[in-house]
Protein backbone atom coordinates (compact mmCIF):
# COMPACT_ATOMS: atom_id res chain seq x y z
CA MET A 1 0.00 0.00 0.00
CA ALA A 2 1.66 3.21 -1.19
CA SER A 3 -1.15 5.43 -2.44
CA GLY A 4 -1.25 7.98 0.37
CA GLN A 5 -0.35 11.62 -0.15
CA SER A 6 2.71 11.51 2.19
CA THR A 7 1.81 14.99 3.43
CA ARG A 8 3.62 14.65 6.76
CA MET A 9 6.76 13.34 5.04
CA GLY A 10 6.59 15.87 2.21
CA ARG A 11 7.71 13.36 -0.43
CA PRO A 12 6.68 9.86 -1.55
CA LYS A 13 7.47 7.39 1.23
CA PHE A 14 7.96 4.56 -1.24
CA ALA A 15 10.91 6.46 -2.76
CA LEU A 16 12.73 7.04 0.54
CA ARG A 17 16.15 5.43 0.70
CA PHE A 18 16.27 2.35 2.90
CA ASP A 19 20.00 2.04 2.25
CA LYS A 20 22.46 2.86 -0.53
CA ASN A 21 20.96 0.24 -2.82
CA LEU A 22 17.23 0.15 -2.12
CA THR A 23 14.25 2.43 -1.66
CA PHE A 24 11.52 1.52 0.82
CA LEU A 25 9.44 0.01 -2.00
CA GLU A 26 12.36 -1.98 -3.41
CA LYS A 27 13.21 -3.30 0.06
CA ILE A 28 9.64 -4.48 0.64
CA ILE A 29 9.40 -6.10 -2.80
CA THR A 30 12.75 -7.83 -2.31
CA GLY A 31 11.64 -9.17 1.08
CA TYR A 32 8.39 -10.62 -0.23
CA SER A 33 10.05 -12.01 -3.36
CA SER A 34 12.66 -13.74 -1.19
CA PHE A 35 9.88 -15.14 0.97
CA GLY A 36 8.35 -16.73 -2.13
CA CYS A 37 5.31 -14.58 -2.85
CA ARG A 38 4.10 -15.39 -6.34
CA GLN A 39 2.64 -11.98 -7.10
CA ILE A 40 3.24 -8.52 -5.66
CA ILE A 41 0.70 -5.75 -6.21
CA VAL A 42 1.80 -2.16 -5.56
CA VAL A 43 -0.98 0.40 -5.14
CA LEU A 44 0.08 3.99 -5.88
CA ASN A 45 -1.70 7.29 -6.43
CA GLU A 46 -1.36 9.09 -9.78
CA GLN A 47 1.65 11.14 -8.66
CA GLY A 48 3.37 8.01 -7.38
CA LYS A 49 2.83 6.21 -10.65
CA ALA A 50 4.24 9.20 -12.57
CA TYR A 51 7.24 9.25 -10.23
CA LEU A 52 7.91 5.55 -10.89
CA LYS A 53 7.70 6.13 -14.62
CA GLU A 54 10.58 8.62 -14.30
CA ASN A 55 12.39 6.58 -11.60
CA PRO A 56 11.81 2.87 -12.28
CA ILE A 57 12.21 0.46 -9.41
CA LYS A 58 15.02 -2.08 -9.38
CA SER A 59 13.32 -5.37 -8.77
CA THR A 60 12.49 -8.74 -10.18
CA GLY A 61 9.44 -10.90 -9.85
CA ASN A 62 5.78 -10.75 -10.75
CA ILE A 63 4.98 -7.13 -9.86
CA SER A 64 1.87 -5.22 -10.88
CA ILE A 65 1.31 -1.51 -10.36
CA VAL A 66 -2.27 -0.38 -9.67
CA THR A 67 -3.35 3.27 -9.58
CA ASN A 68 -5.68 4.53 -6.87
CA PHE A 69 -7.51 7.47 -8.41
CA HIS A 70 -9.21 8.18 -5.06
CA PRO A 71 -6.41 8.49 -2.47
CA GLU A 72 -8.72 10.68 -0.38
CA TRP A 73 -10.78 7.57 0.41
CA GLU A 74 -9.83 5.28 3.24
CA ARG A 75 -7.09 2.66 2.92
CA PHE A 76 -9.81 0.04 2.40
CA TYR A 77 -10.25 1.20 -1.19
CA SER A 78 -6.54 0.80 -1.96
CA ILE A 79 -6.61 -2.67 -0.47
CA LYS A 80 -9.71 -3.58 -2.47
CA ILE A 81 -8.35 -2.45 -5.84
CA GLY A 82 -5.05 -4.17 -5.12
CA LEU A 83 -6.72 -7.46 -4.18
CA LYS A 84 -8.82 -7.33 -7.36
CA GLN A 85 -5.56 -7.67 -9.32
CA VAL A 86 -4.37 -10.85 -7.63
CA ASP A 87 -4.39 -13.67 -10.17
CA GLU A 88 -4.97 -16.57 -7.81
CA PHE A 89 -4.86 -16.52 -4.06
CA SER A 90 -5.31 -18.51 -0.94
CA SER A 91 -4.18 -15.65 1.27
CA SER A 92 -2.59 -12.25 0.86
CA PHE A 93 -0.33 -10.00 2.93
CA ILE A 94 -1.21 -6.32 3.25
CA HIS A 95 1.96 -4.31 3.81
CA ASN A 96 2.13 -0.53 4.21
CA VAL A 97 5.02 1.25 2.53
CA ASP A 98 5.72 3.29 5.68
CA ASN A 99 7.17 0.14 7.25
CA PRO A 100 10.08 -1.01 5.05
CA PHE A 101 11.01 -3.92 7.30
CA VAL A 102 10.17 -7.41 6.05
CA ASN A 103 11.13 -10.28 8.35
CA GLU A 104 10.76 -13.76 6.84
CA GLN A 105 10.30 -15.33 10.29
CA VAL A 106 7.40 -12.95 10.99
CA LEU A 107 5.85 -13.81 7.62
CA LYS A 108 6.19 -17.55 8.37
CA SER A 109 4.61 -17.05 11.79
CA LEU A 110 1.68 -15.22 10.22
CA GLN A 111 1.27 -17.92 7.60
CA CYS A 112 1.13 -20.61 10.30
CA GLY A 113 -1.23 -18.47 12.40
CA LEU A 114 -3.81 -18.06 9.63
CA ALA A 115 -5.17 -21.61 9.84
CA GLY A 116 -8.80 -21.57 10.92
CA THR A 117 -9.16 -17.79 11.12
CA ASP A 118 -10.04 -14.88 8.84
CA TYR A 119 -6.94 -12.77 9.32
CA VAL A 120 -3.82 -12.65 11.41
CA VAL A 121 -1.67 -9.78 12.71
CA PRO A 122 1.76 -9.77 14.35
CA CYS A 123 2.05 -8.50 17.88
CA PHE A 124 5.09 -7.30 19.79
CA LYS A 125 4.71 -7.10 23.58
CA GLY A 126 0.94 -6.82 23.33
CA ARG A 127 0.85 -4.20 20.55
CA GLY A 128 -0.48 -5.10 17.11
CA GLY A 129 1.59 -4.31 14.06
CA HIS A 130 2.14 -4.97 10.36
CA PRO A 131 1.77 -6.69 7.99
CA VAL A 132 -1.72 -8.22 8.08
CA LEU A 133 -2.35 -11.59 6.43
CA LEU A 134 -5.86 -12.08 5.03
CA SER A 135 -7.59 -15.40 4.35
CA LYS A 136 -9.23 -16.22 1.02
CA LYS A 137 -12.68 -15.74 2.60
CA THR A 138 -11.80 -12.26 3.88
CA ILE A 139 -10.30 -11.29 0.52
CA LYS A 140 -13.48 -12.34 -1.30
CA HIS A 141 -15.59 -10.25 1.08
CA ILE A 142 -13.35 -7.21 0.63
CA ILE A 143 -13.54 -7.48 -3.16
CA SER A 144 -17.33 -7.84 -3.11
CA GLU A 145 -17.92 -4.96 -0.63
CA LYS A 146 -19.93 -2.22 -2.38
CA ASN A 147 -18.86 0.70 -0.15
CA PRO A 148 -15.32 1.67 -1.22
CA ASP A 149 -14.81 4.26 1.52
CA LEU A 150 -14.76 2.05 4.62
CA ASN A 151 -12.29 2.03 7.45
CA PHE A 152 -10.21 -1.15 7.10
CA ARG A 153 -9.97 -1.74 10.86
CA ASP A 154 -13.71 -1.32 11.28
CA PHE A 155 -14.35 -3.71 8.40
CA LEU A 156 -12.13 -6.37 9.99
CA LYS A 157 -14.03 -6.20 13.30
CA GLY A 158 -16.61 -8.55 11.76
CA TYR A 159 -14.01 -11.28 11.14
CA ALA A 160 -12.16 -13.82 13.27
CA LYS A 161 -8.71 -12.50 14.16
CA ASN A 162 -5.61 -14.30 15.34
CA VAL A 163 -2.76 -12.39 16.98
CA VAL A 164 0.71 -13.91 16.71
CA GLU A 165 3.36 -12.74 19.16
CA VAL A 166 6.64 -12.09 17.32
CA GLY A 167 10.08 -11.10 18.53
CA ASP A 168 10.62 -8.23 16.09
CA GLU A 169 9.56 -4.83 17.38
CA ARG A 170 9.90 -3.40 13.87
CA VAL A 171 6.37 -4.71 13.15
CA LEU A 172 5.24 -1.60 15.08
CA VAL A 173 7.16 0.91 12.94
CA ASN A 174 5.43 3.60 10.87
CA VAL A 175 7.71 6.10 9.16
CA ASN A 176 5.50 9.14 8.58
CA THR A 177 7.77 12.10 9.33
CA GLY A 178 11.37 13.13 8.76
CA GLU A 179 12.06 12.63 12.47
CA GLU A 180 10.74 9.05 12.33
CA TYR A 181 12.79 8.41 9.21
CA GLU A 182 15.93 9.60 10.99
CA ARG A 183 15.12 7.50 14.10
CA PHE A 184 14.32 4.23 12.32
CA ILE A 185 16.54 4.44 9.24
CA GLY A 186 19.09 7.11 10.18
CA GLY A 187 21.21 9.04 7.76
CA GLY A 188 18.68 10.64 5.43
CA ASP A 189 18.85 10.59 1.65
CA ASP A 190 22.60 10.10 1.49
CA VAL A 191 22.39 6.66 3.10
């Protein structure tokens, strides 16, 4: 999910440098590709898509770019249009671009924790984090929902949730400001 306006950051979060070699978006894509995800859908707003046209991402794998023409709507709409593009699924991770950390052990724990429930979230010391893993049933209901402007958290309240305790506090990270970028990544654009 990378279709927000990034108003607090002042520039597209997906294009922030994670390190000398990768942007946030490239780091996330690399992590999920390494984990074995068959398809990666990136949801951007129109400005983000134009930015990527001028600054292509370095990545391999089955990646699709989807444009959210209504970034003013809740995140639910971005999730819905992204899920509509998935070729074939049994489950799907929802990962926000403001958290560039992908931990394969966390992803495995979520995968194991999905059995018999509608969605699963990682938790660190009692606090829920990212990413969220959705079941096939939940995905079908999201795609068929007629109201595009729902709150994703409110929507999920009607579904069975499993919380998996993980040992990586980075599941709690959201990089929304320059100060948070400096604290979690350190070094700014010259990293």
